[in-house]
Amino acid sequence: MTTLALPAASACAQQAAGTEPPPAPQQSSLELQKATQNPVADLISVPVQSNFNFGYGAKDAPQNSSTQFVMNIQPVIPITLGDTGFNLITRPILPILEQPDLIEGGHNWGWGDIQVQSYLSPNSGKGLIWGVGPVLQMPTASDPDKLGTQKWSAGPGVVALLMPGKWVFGALANQIWSFAGDSDREDISLTTIQPFINYNFDGGWYVSSSPIITANWEADGNDNTWTVPAGGGFGRLIRLGKLPVNLQAQAFYNVVKPDDDPAPDWTLRLQVQFLFPK
């Protein structure tokens, strides 16, 4: 937000009268709530998202199921591109994993492949809000055999949303293909679609649903392609001193999951998001 400097004479007059210029108003709670729900908002934030994936395993082999933990650290960094009227929104995603070994038993801890999403988006923030840009996934896993793909992958990403009144709804989607890496590992062709709908109440509260739908086009057979969750939850924007913090909890049940490839039966998602308004 831009504030206009008072002329020197006016400032002197206020000092002589023993008054100070009023401080710039804080962004309203509703505005901040809606900004946290906008993937291409002009807002620096650091979400830390914890996913507890229960019943992780193949649908046809439930006796081998276990619990997978994935914590995604995904700072959002908007960059204003001069007077072009556009922002570049950069979102690196670092997954920290506890991966169950369904064959040998036990669990593997470490970090997975880093993905970087970038969206070019108009900064007007009115009407239909959209963004488009590249997605790059790099083979950075701490244990490449068990926690990573050992593949370089890239593709396009797009987001579109509307924010009428107290509503925020839209979708984010991307498609990545592998183009380099270990030739002995399976190629990647993966579509990710995340529809989202939010309704904001007074007092910082809101209800939300943002399931992550995936389609693995390299899977063997149509019964192993799609993972489709259904569910939702709630959240609240609070302040720790002057620092706004967005808290959220959602739960999802996979109404469709692969027959042969590992996927959870249901997921509990908890998120803490630290906000740094400009």
C-alpha atoms as a PDB file:
ATOM      1  CA  MET A   1       0.000   0.000   0.000  1.00  0.00           C
ATOM      2  CA  THR A   2       1.391   3.431  -0.975  1.00  0.00           C
ATOM      3  CA  THR A   3       1.109   6.336   1.475  1.00  0.00           C
ATOM      4  CA  LEU A   4       1.446   9.967   0.361  1.00  0.00           C
ATOM      5  CA  ALA A   5       3.940  12.162   2.192  1.00  0.00           C
ATOM      6  CA  LEU A   6       2.478  15.292   3.769  1.00  0.00           C
ATOM      7  CA  PRO A   7       3.849  18.638   2.533  1.00  0.00           C
ATOM      8  CA  ALA A   8       6.402  20.105   4.902  1.00  0.00           C
ATOM      9  CA  ALA A   9       4.142  22.994   5.979  1.00  0.00           C
ATOM     10  CA  SER A  10       1.292  20.627   6.826  1.00  0.00           C
ATOM     11  CA  ALA A  11       3.608  18.360   8.806  1.00  0.00           C
ATOM     12  CA  CYS A  12       4.956  21.322  10.769  1.00  0.00           C
ATOM     13  CA  ALA A  13       1.431  22.514  11.493  1.00  0.00           C
ATOM     14  CA  GLN A  14       0.469  19.087  12.863  1.00  0.00           C
ATOM     15  CA  GLN A  15       3.564  18.993  15.070  1.00  0.00           C
ATOM     16  CA  ALA A  16       2.766  22.519  16.371  1.00  0.00           C
ATOM     17  CA  ALA A  17      -0.749  21.400  17.211  1.00  0.00           C
ATOM     18  CA  GLY A  18       0.634  18.370  19.070  1.00  0.00           C
ATOM     19  CA  THR A  19      -0.901  15.816  16.686  1.00  0.00           C
ATOM     20  CA  GLU A  20       0.646  13.085  14.550  1.00  0.00           C
ATOM     21  CA  PRO A  21      -0.452  11.814  11.144  1.00  0.00           C
ATOM     22  CA  PRO A  22      -2.669   8.715  11.566  1.00  0.00           C
ATOM     23  CA  PRO A  23      -0.918   5.381  10.940  1.00  0.00           C
ATOM     24  CA  ALA A  24      -1.649   3.544   7.694  1.00  0.00           C
ATOM     25  CA  PRO A  25      -4.615   1.207   8.259  1.00  0.00           C
ATOM     26  CA  GLN A  26      -3.920  -2.518   8.509  1.00  0.00           C
ATOM     27  CA  GLN A  27      -5.227  -4.769   5.789  1.00  0.00           C
ATOM     28  CA  SER A  28      -8.623  -6.038   6.940  1.00  0.00           C
ATOM     29  CA  SER A  29      -9.042  -9.569   8.238  1.00  0.00           C
ATOM     30  CA  LEU A  30     -11.357 -10.468   5.342  1.00  0.00           C
ATOM     31  CA  GLU A  31      -8.876  -9.140   2.767  1.00  0.00           C
ATOM     32  CA  LEU A  32      -6.087 -11.190   4.324  1.00  0.00           C
ATOM     33  CA  GLN A  33      -8.279 -14.306   4.550  1.00  0.00           C
ATOM     34  CA  LYS A  34      -9.100 -14.056   0.853  1.00  0.00           C
ATOM     35  CA  ALA A  35      -5.440 -13.385  -0.012  1.00  0.00           C
ATOM     36  CA  THR A  36      -4.360 -16.608   1.732  1.00  0.00           C
ATOM     37  CA  GLN A  37      -6.876 -18.494  -0.437  1.00  0.00           C
ATOM     38  CA  ASN A  38      -5.597 -16.917  -3.678  1.00  0.00           C
ATOM     39  CA  PRO A  39      -2.592 -18.848  -5.081  1.00  0.00           C
ATOM     40  CA  VAL A  40      -1.392 -15.775  -7.038  1.00  0.00           C
ATOM     41  CA  ALA A  41      -2.010 -13.084  -4.399  1.00  0.00           C
ATOM     42  CA  ASP A  42       0.541 -10.279  -4.052  1.00  0.00           C
ATOM     43  CA  LEU A  43       1.406 -11.522  -0.564  1.00  0.00           C
ATOM     44  CA  ILE A  44       4.613 -12.997   0.834  1.00  0.00           C
ATOM     45  CA  SER A  45       3.778 -16.052   2.925  1.00  0.00           C
ATOM     46  CA  VAL A  46       5.355 -19.246   4.253  1.00  0.00           C
ATOM     47  CA  PRO A  47       2.891 -22.158   4.472  1.00  0.00           C
ATOM     48  CA  VAL A  48       3.999 -25.294   6.305  1.00  0.00           C
ATOM     49  CA  GLN A  49       1.594 -28.077   5.398  1.00  0.00           C
ATOM     50  CA  SER A  50       1.549 -31.451   7.206  1.00  0.00           C
ATOM     51  CA  ASN A  51      -0.223 -34.380   5.517  1.00  0.00           C
ATOM     52  CA  PHE A  52      -0.924 -37.585   7.441  1.00  0.00           C
ATOM     53  CA  ASN A  53      -1.784 -40.237   4.841  1.00  0.00           C
ATOM     54  CA  PHE A  54      -3.515 -43.163   6.548  1.00  0.00           C
ATOM     55  CA  GLY A  55      -3.896 -46.577   4.934  1.00  0.00           C
ATOM     56  CA  TYR A  56      -1.056 -45.843   2.501  1.00  0.00           C
ATOM     57  CA  GLY A  57      -0.674 -48.778   0.135  1.00  0.00           C
ATOM     58  CA  ALA A  58      -2.230 -50.488  -2.873  1.00  0.00           C
ATOM     59  CA  LYS A  59      -6.018 -50.948  -2.795  1.00  0.00           C
ATOM     60  CA  ASP A  60      -5.680 -54.651  -3.651  1.00  0.00           C
ATOM     61  CA  ALA A  61      -3.164 -55.246  -0.837  1.00  0.00           C
ATOM     62  CA  PRO A  62      -4.577 -53.533   2.298  1.00  0.00           C
ATOM     63  CA  GLN A  63      -2.589 -55.855   4.573  1.00  0.00           C
ATOM     64  CA  ASN A  64       0.547 -53.946   3.524  1.00  0.00           C
ATOM     65  CA  SER A  65      -0.876 -50.508   4.266  1.00  0.00           C
ATOM     66  CA  SER A  66       0.806 -48.074   6.623  1.00  0.00           C
ATOM     67  CA  THR A  67       0.925 -44.326   7.401  1.00  0.00           C
ATOM     68  CA  GLN A  68       2.889 -41.887   5.268  1.00  0.00           C
ATOM     69  CA  PHE A  69       3.804 -38.386   6.493  1.00  0.00           C
ATOM     70  CA  VAL A  70       4.526 -35.537   4.075  1.00  0.00           C
ATOM     71  CA  MET A  71       5.357 -32.021   5.263  1.00  0.00           C
ATOM     72  CA  ASN A  72       5.464 -29.463   2.443  1.00  0.00           C
ATOM     73  CA  ILE A  73       7.382 -26.246   3.067  1.00  0.00           C
ATOM     74  CA  GLN A  74       6.235 -23.905   0.278  1.00  0.00           C
ATOM     75  CA  PRO A  75       7.142 -20.212   0.580  1.00  0.00           C
ATOM     76  CA  VAL A  76       5.258 -17.901  -1.802  1.00  0.00           C
ATOM     77  CA  ILE A  77       7.317 -15.023  -3.223  1.00  0.00           C
ATOM     78  CA  PRO A  78       5.565 -12.406  -5.422  1.00  0.00           C
ATOM     79  CA  ILE A  79       7.727 -10.102  -7.558  1.00  0.00           C
ATOM     80  CA  THR A  80       6.255  -6.968  -9.147  1.00  0.00           C
ATOM     81  CA  LEU A  81       7.532  -6.642 -12.728  1.00  0.00           C
ATOM     82  CA  GLY A  82       7.960  -2.878 -12.892  1.00  0.00           C
ATOM     83  CA  ASP A  83       5.123  -0.992 -14.605  1.00  0.00           C
ATOM     84  CA  THR A  84       4.002  -3.968 -16.696  1.00  0.00           C
ATOM     85  CA  GLY A  85       0.898  -4.576 -14.577  1.00  0.00           C
ATOM     86  CA  PHE A  86       2.011  -8.156 -13.876  1.00  0.00           C
ATOM     87  CA  ASN A  87       3.426 -10.063 -10.916  1.00  0.00           C
ATOM     88  CA  LEU A  88       5.630 -13.134 -11.040  1.00  0.00           C
ATOM     89  CA  ILE A  89       4.557 -15.527  -8.268  1.00  0.00           C
ATOM     90  CA  THR A  90       7.224 -18.097  -7.392  1.00  0.00           C
ATOM     91  CA  ARG A  91       6.378 -21.076  -5.195  1.00  0.00           C
ATOM     92  CA  PRO A  92       9.156 -23.591  -4.381  1.00  0.00           C
ATOM     93  CA  ILE A  93       7.848 -26.737  -2.641  1.00  0.00           C
ATOM     94  CA  LEU A  94      10.181 -28.821  -0.461  1.00  0.00           C
ATOM     95  CA  PRO A  95       8.624 -32.093   0.785  1.00  0.00           C
ATOM     96  CA  ILE A  96       9.886 -33.676   4.010  1.00  0.00           C
ATOM     97  CA  LEU A  97       8.862 -37.351   4.045  1.00  0.00           C
ATOM     98  CA  GLU A  98       8.428 -40.318   6.324  1.00  0.00           C
ATOM     99  CA  GLN A  99       7.909 -42.989   3.702  1.00  0.00           C
ATOM    100  CA  PRO A 100       6.833 -46.518   4.711  1.00  0.00           C
ATOM    101  CA  ASP A 101       8.678 -49.346   2.975  1.00  0.00           C
ATOM    102  CA  LEU A 102       5.809 -51.673   2.065  1.00  0.00           C
ATOM    103  CA  ILE A 103       8.138 -54.463   0.882  1.00  0.00           C
ATOM    104  CA  GLU A 104      11.011 -54.597   3.370  1.00  0.00           C
ATOM    105  CA  GLY A 105       9.189 -52.958   6.293  1.00  0.00           C
ATOM    106  CA  GLY A 106      10.225 -49.934   8.309  1.00  0.00           C
ATOM    107  CA  HIS A 107      10.199 -46.264   7.306  1.00  0.00           C
ATOM    108  CA  ASN A 108      12.522 -43.923   5.421  1.00  0.00           C
ATOM    109  CA  TRP A 109      12.985 -40.301   6.531  1.00  0.00           C
ATOM    110  CA  GLY A 110      14.318 -37.465   4.387  1.00  0.00           C
ATOM    111  CA  TRP A 111      13.397 -34.879   1.825  1.00  0.00           C
ATOM    112  CA  GLY A 112      11.954 -35.489  -1.613  1.00  0.00           C
ATOM    113  CA  ASP A 113      12.211 -33.871  -5.036  1.00  0.00           C
ATOM    114  CA  ILE A 114      11.866 -30.078  -4.995  1.00  0.00           C
ATOM    115  CA  GLN A 115       9.235 -28.585  -7.298  1.00  0.00           C
ATOM    116  CA  VAL A 116       9.197 -24.924  -8.322  1.00  0.00           C
ATOM    117  CA  GLN A 117       5.940 -23.403  -9.639  1.00  0.00           C
ATOM    118  CA  SER A 118       5.963 -19.954 -11.274  1.00  0.00           C
ATOM    119  CA  TYR A 119       2.912 -17.967 -12.381  1.00  0.00           C
ATOM    120  CA  LEU A 120       2.719 -14.739 -14.355  1.00  0.00           C
ATOM    121  CA  SER A 121      -0.423 -12.957 -13.184  1.00  0.00           C
ATOM    122  CA  PRO A 122      -2.028  -9.495 -13.641  1.00  0.00           C
ATOM    123  CA  ASN A 123      -1.826  -7.502 -10.424  1.00  0.00           C
ATOM    124  CA  SER A 124      -5.235  -5.816 -10.711  1.00  0.00           C
ATOM    125  CA  GLY A 125      -6.864  -8.383  -8.390  1.00  0.00           C
ATOM    126  CA  LYS A 126     -10.336  -7.743  -9.882  1.00  0.00           C
ATOM    127  CA  GLY A 127     -12.792  -9.915 -11.795  1.00  0.00           C
ATOM    128  CA  LEU A 128     -11.366 -13.163 -13.102  1.00  0.00           C
ATOM    129  CA  ILE A 129      -7.920 -13.638 -11.545  1.00  0.00           C
ATOM    130  CA  TRP A 130      -5.537 -15.892 -13.448  1.00  0.00           C
ATOM    131  CA  GLY A 131      -1.941 -16.984 -13.676  1.00  0.00           C
ATOM    132  CA  VAL A 132       0.095 -19.109 -16.054  1.00  0.00           C
ATOM    133  CA  GLY A 133       3.681 -20.308 -16.080  1.00  0.00           C
ATOM    134  CA  PRO A 134       6.171 -23.188 -15.941  1.00  0.00           C
ATOM    135  CA  VAL A 135       6.580 -25.940 -13.356  1.00  0.00           C
ATOM    136  CA  LEU A 136       9.967 -27.599 -12.801  1.00  0.00           C
ATOM    137  CA  GLN A 137      10.627 -30.670 -10.642  1.00  0.00           C
ATOM    138  CA  MET A 138      14.231 -31.558  -9.798  1.00  0.00           C
ATOM    139  CA  PRO A 139      15.691 -34.884  -8.551  1.00  0.00           C
ATOM    140  CA  THR A 140      16.907 -33.585  -5.186  1.00  0.00           C
ATOM    141  CA  ALA A 141      15.720 -36.381  -2.834  1.00  0.00           C
ATOM    142  CA  SER A 142      18.015 -37.262   0.054  1.00  0.00           C
ATOM    143  CA  ASP A 143      17.458 -40.971  -0.717  1.00  0.00           C
ATOM    144  CA  PRO A 144      16.970 -41.068  -4.508  1.00  0.00           C
ATOM    145  CA  ASP A 145      15.996 -44.749  -4.593  1.00  0.00           C
ATOM    146  CA  LYS A 146      13.210 -44.590  -1.996  1.00  0.00           C
ATOM    147  CA  LEU A 147      12.162 -40.920  -1.722  1.00  0.00           C
ATOM    148  CA  GLY A 148      12.644 -39.543  -5.231  1.00  0.00           C
ATOM    149  CA  THR A 149      11.978 -40.099  -8.903  1.00  0.00           C
ATOM    150  CA  GLN A 150      15.559 -39.574 -10.159  1.00  0.00           C
ATOM    151  CA  LYS A 151      13.985 -37.629 -13.028  1.00  0.00           C
ATOM    152  CA  TRP A 152      13.993 -34.028 -14.228  1.00  0.00           C
ATOM    153  CA  SER A 153      10.405 -33.057 -15.083  1.00  0.00           C
ATOM    154  CA  ALA A 154       8.698 -29.912 -16.340  1.00  0.00           C
ATOM    155  CA  GLY A 155       5.477 -28.640 -17.850  1.00  0.00           C
ATOM    156  CA  PRO A 156       2.846 -25.889 -17.774  1.00  0.00           C
ATOM    157  CA  GLY A 157       0.770 -24.663 -14.855  1.00  0.00           C
ATOM    158  CA  VAL A 158      -2.366 -22.525 -14.741  1.00  0.00           C
ATOM    159  CA  VAL A 159      -4.615 -21.046 -12.054  1.00  0.00           C
ATOM    160  CA  ALA A 160      -7.955 -19.212 -12.310  1.00  0.00           C
ATOM    161  CA  LEU A 161     -10.300 -17.955  -9.581  1.00  0.00           C
ATOM    162  CA  LEU A 162     -13.053 -15.530  -8.606  1.00  0.00           C
ATOM    163  CA  MET A 163     -13.527 -13.739  -5.256  1.00  0.00           C
ATOM    164  CA  PRO A 164     -17.086 -12.356  -5.085  1.00  0.00           C
ATOM    165  CA  GLY A 165     -18.132 -11.119  -1.645  1.00  0.00           C
ATOM    166  CA  LYS A 166     -16.998 -13.588   1.009  1.00  0.00           C
ATOM    167  CA  TRP A 167     -16.370 -16.393  -1.517  1.00  0.00           C
ATOM    168  CA  VAL A 168     -13.098 -17.543  -3.077  1.00  0.00           C
ATOM    169  CA  PHE A 169     -13.292 -20.373  -5.615  1.00  0.00           C
ATOM    170  CA  GLY A 170     -11.283 -21.613  -8.567  1.00  0.00           C
ATOM    171  CA  ALA A 171      -8.735 -24.240  -9.538  1.00  0.00           C
ATOM    172  CA  LEU A 172      -5.017 -24.749  -9.978  1.00  0.00           C
ATOM    173  CA  ALA A 173      -3.688 -27.336 -12.435  1.00  0.00           C
ATOM    174  CA  ASN A 174      -0.377 -28.451 -13.856  1.00  0.00           C
ATOM    175  CA  GLN A 175       1.040 -31.193 -16.054  1.00  0.00           C
ATOM    176  CA  ILE A 176       4.652 -32.373 -15.889  1.00  0.00           C
ATOM    177  CA  TRP A 177       6.620 -34.769 -18.090  1.00  0.00           C
ATOM    178  CA  SER A 178      10.081 -36.183 -17.401  1.00  0.00           C
ATOM    179  CA  PHE A 179      12.753 -35.133 -19.892  1.00  0.00           C
ATOM    180  CA  ALA A 180      16.024 -36.318 -18.322  1.00  0.00           C
ATOM    181  CA  GLY A 181      17.373 -38.464 -15.510  1.00  0.00           C
ATOM    182  CA  ASP A 182      17.916 -42.136 -14.733  1.00  0.00           C
ATOM    183  CA  SER A 183      16.745 -44.123 -17.758  1.00  0.00           C
ATOM    184  CA  ASP A 184      16.069 -47.150 -15.539  1.00  0.00           C
ATOM    185  CA  ARG A 185      13.396 -45.279 -13.588  1.00  0.00           C
ATOM    186  CA  GLU A 186       9.790 -44.954 -14.746  1.00  0.00           C
ATOM    187  CA  ASP A 187       9.010 -41.959 -16.938  1.00  0.00           C
ATOM    188  CA  ILE A 188       6.742 -39.261 -15.486  1.00  0.00           C
ATOM    189  CA  SER A 189       3.537 -37.921 -16.995  1.00  0.00           C
ATOM    190  CA  LEU A 190       1.513 -36.516 -14.116  1.00  0.00           C
ATOM    191  CA  THR A 191      -1.513 -34.212 -14.034  1.00  0.00           C
ATOM    192  CA  THR A 192      -2.365 -32.430 -10.775  1.00  0.00           C
ATOM    193  CA  ILE A 193      -5.682 -30.582 -10.373  1.00  0.00           C
ATOM    194  CA  GLN A 194      -6.597 -28.711  -7.178  1.00  0.00           C
ATOM    195  CA  PRO A 195     -10.092 -27.187  -7.187  1.00  0.00           C
ATOM    196  CA  PHE A 196     -10.802 -24.969  -4.173  1.00  0.00           C
ATOM    197  CA  ILE A 197     -13.811 -23.281  -2.644  1.00  0.00           C
ATOM    198  CA  ASN A 198     -13.820 -21.110   0.481  1.00  0.00           C
ATOM    199  CA  TYR A 199     -16.457 -19.142   2.362  1.00  0.00           C
ATOM    200  CA  ASN A 200     -15.273 -16.551   4.866  1.00  0.00           C
ATOM    201  CA  PHE A 201     -17.078 -15.638   8.094  1.00  0.00           C
ATOM    202  CA  ASP A 202     -16.534 -12.771  10.507  1.00  0.00           C
ATOM    203  CA  GLY A 203     -13.870 -13.134  13.179  1.00  0.00           C
ATOM    204  CA  GLY A 204     -11.295 -14.712  10.865  1.00  0.00           C
ATOM    205  CA  TRP A 205     -13.098 -18.057  10.450  1.00  0.00           C
ATOM    206  CA  TYR A 206     -13.738 -19.787   7.122  1.00  0.00           C
ATOM    207  CA  VAL A 207     -14.706 -23.153   5.666  1.00  0.00           C
ATOM    208  CA  SER A 208     -12.691 -24.641   2.850  1.00  0.00           C
ATOM    209  CA  SER A 209     -12.352 -27.587   0.485  1.00  0.00           C
ATOM    210  CA  SER A 210      -9.228 -28.006  -1.667  1.00  0.00           C
ATOM    211  CA  PRO A 211      -8.729 -31.663  -2.668  1.00  0.00           C
ATOM    212  CA  ILE A 212      -5.691 -32.590  -4.777  1.00  0.00           C
ATOM    213  CA  ILE A 213      -6.672 -34.794  -7.731  1.00  0.00           C
ATOM    214  CA  THR A 214      -3.896 -36.598  -9.615  1.00  0.00           C
ATOM    215  CA  ALA A 215      -3.685 -38.631 -12.810  1.00  0.00           C
ATOM    216  CA  ASN A 216      -0.572 -40.761 -13.399  1.00  0.00           C
ATOM    217  CA  TRP A 217      -0.612 -41.360 -17.159  1.00  0.00           C
ATOM    218  CA  GLU A 218       2.361 -43.750 -16.952  1.00  0.00           C
ATOM    219  CA  ALA A 219       0.532 -46.163 -14.614  1.00  0.00           C
ATOM    220  CA  ASP A 220      -0.320 -49.613 -15.925  1.00  0.00           C
ATOM    221  CA  GLY A 221      -4.057 -49.879 -16.572  1.00  0.00           C
ATOM    222  CA  ASN A 222      -6.881 -47.377 -16.167  1.00  0.00           C
ATOM    223  CA  ASP A 223      -7.559 -48.590 -12.592  1.00  0.00           C
ATOM    224  CA  ASN A 224      -4.189 -47.189 -11.505  1.00  0.00           C
ATOM    225  CA  THR A 225      -4.381 -43.760 -13.153  1.00  0.00           C
ATOM    226  CA  TRP A 226      -6.571 -41.580 -10.916  1.00  0.00           C
ATOM    227  CA  THR A 227      -6.526 -40.559  -7.271  1.00  0.00           C
ATOM    228  CA  VAL A 228      -9.637 -38.534  -6.388  1.00  0.00           C
ATOM    229  CA  PRO A 229     -10.214 -37.292  -2.808  1.00  0.00           C
ATOM    230  CA  ALA A 230     -13.362 -35.704  -1.367  1.00  0.00           C
ATOM    231  CA  GLY A 231     -13.621 -33.677   1.833  1.00  0.00           C
ATOM    232  CA  GLY A 232     -12.862 -30.312   3.384  1.00  0.00           C
ATOM    233  CA  GLY A 233     -12.451 -28.481   6.655  1.00  0.00           C
ATOM    234  CA  PHE A 234     -12.103 -25.090   8.285  1.00  0.00           C
ATOM    235  CA  GLY A 235      -9.546 -22.466   9.163  1.00  0.00           C
ATOM    236  CA  ARG A 236      -8.985 -19.240  11.022  1.00  0.00           C
ATOM    237  CA  LEU A 237      -6.802 -16.177  10.592  1.00  0.00           C
ATOM    238  CA  ILE A 238      -5.242 -15.081  13.892  1.00  0.00           C
ATOM    239  CA  ARG A 239      -2.557 -12.598  14.895  1.00  0.00           C
ATOM    240  CA  LEU A 240       0.526 -13.333  16.981  1.00  0.00           C
ATOM    241  CA  GLY A 241       1.296  -9.772  17.992  1.00  0.00           C
ATOM    242  CA  LYS A 242       1.386  -7.991  14.633  1.00  0.00           C
ATOM    243  CA  LEU A 243       2.124 -11.165  12.634  1.00  0.00           C
ATOM    244  CA  PRO A 244      -0.924 -12.632  10.839  1.00  0.00           C
ATOM    245  CA  VAL A 245      -1.030 -16.443  10.886  1.00  0.00           C
ATOM    246  CA  ASN A 246      -3.456 -18.623   8.943  1.00  0.00           C
ATOM    247  CA  LEU A 247      -4.391 -21.955  10.578  1.00  0.00           C
ATOM    248  CA  GLN A 248      -6.222 -24.665   8.663  1.00  0.00           C
ATOM    249  CA  ALA A 249      -7.378 -28.283   9.055  1.00  0.00           C
ATOM    250  CA  GLN A 250      -8.933 -30.451   6.341  1.00  0.00           C
ATOM    251  CA  ALA A 251      -9.649 -34.170   5.938  1.00  0.00           C
ATOM    252  CA  PHE A 252     -10.141 -36.109   2.702  1.00  0.00           C
ATOM    253  CA  TYR A 253     -11.228 -39.626   1.768  1.00  0.00           C
ATOM    254  CA  ASN A 254      -9.995 -41.071  -1.516  1.00  0.00           C
ATOM    255  CA  VAL A 255     -13.154 -42.133  -3.325  1.00  0.00           C
ATOM    256  CA  VAL A 256     -10.912 -43.292  -6.196  1.00  0.00           C
ATOM    257  CA  LYS A 257      -7.406 -44.673  -5.698  1.00  0.00           C
ATOM    258  CA  PRO A 258      -5.079 -46.959  -7.695  1.00  0.00           C
ATOM    259  CA  ASP A 259      -5.554 -50.710  -7.473  1.00  0.00           C
ATOM    260  CA  ASP A 260      -1.863 -51.586  -7.602  1.00  0.00           C
ATOM    261  CA  ASP A 261       0.129 -48.411  -6.833  1.00  0.00           C
ATOM    262  CA  PRO A 262       0.480 -47.023  -3.279  1.00  0.00           C
ATOM    263  CA  ALA A 263      -1.999 -44.300  -2.253  1.00  0.00           C
ATOM    264  CA  PRO A 264      -3.695 -43.487   1.080  1.00  0.00           C
ATOM    265  CA  ASP A 265      -7.278 -44.320   2.026  1.00  0.00           C
ATOM    266  CA  TRP A 266      -7.671 -40.900   3.641  1.00  0.00           C
ATOM    267  CA  THR A 267      -5.619 -37.838   4.540  1.00  0.00           C
ATOM    268  CA  LEU A 268      -5.548 -35.372   7.428  1.00  0.00           C
ATOM    269  CA  ARG A 269      -4.037 -32.048   6.314  1.00  0.00           C
ATOM    270  CA  LEU A 270      -2.915 -29.459   8.887  1.00  0.00           C
ATOM    271  CA  GLN A 271      -1.398 -26.161   7.790  1.00  0.00           C
ATOM    272  CA  VAL A 272       0.238 -23.168   9.454  1.00  0.00           C
ATOM    273  CA  GLN A 273       0.829 -20.208   7.148  1.00  0.00           C
ATOM    274  CA  PHE A 274       2.870 -17.169   8.214  1.00  0.00           C
ATOM    275  CA  LEU A 275       1.852 -13.982   6.376  1.00  0.00           C
ATOM    276  CA  PHE A 276       3.991 -10.920   5.619  1.00  0.00           C
ATOM    277  CA  PRO A 277       1.699  -8.240   4.120  1.00  0.00           C
ATOM    278  CA  LYS A 278       3.445  -5.455   2.220  1.00  0.00           C
END
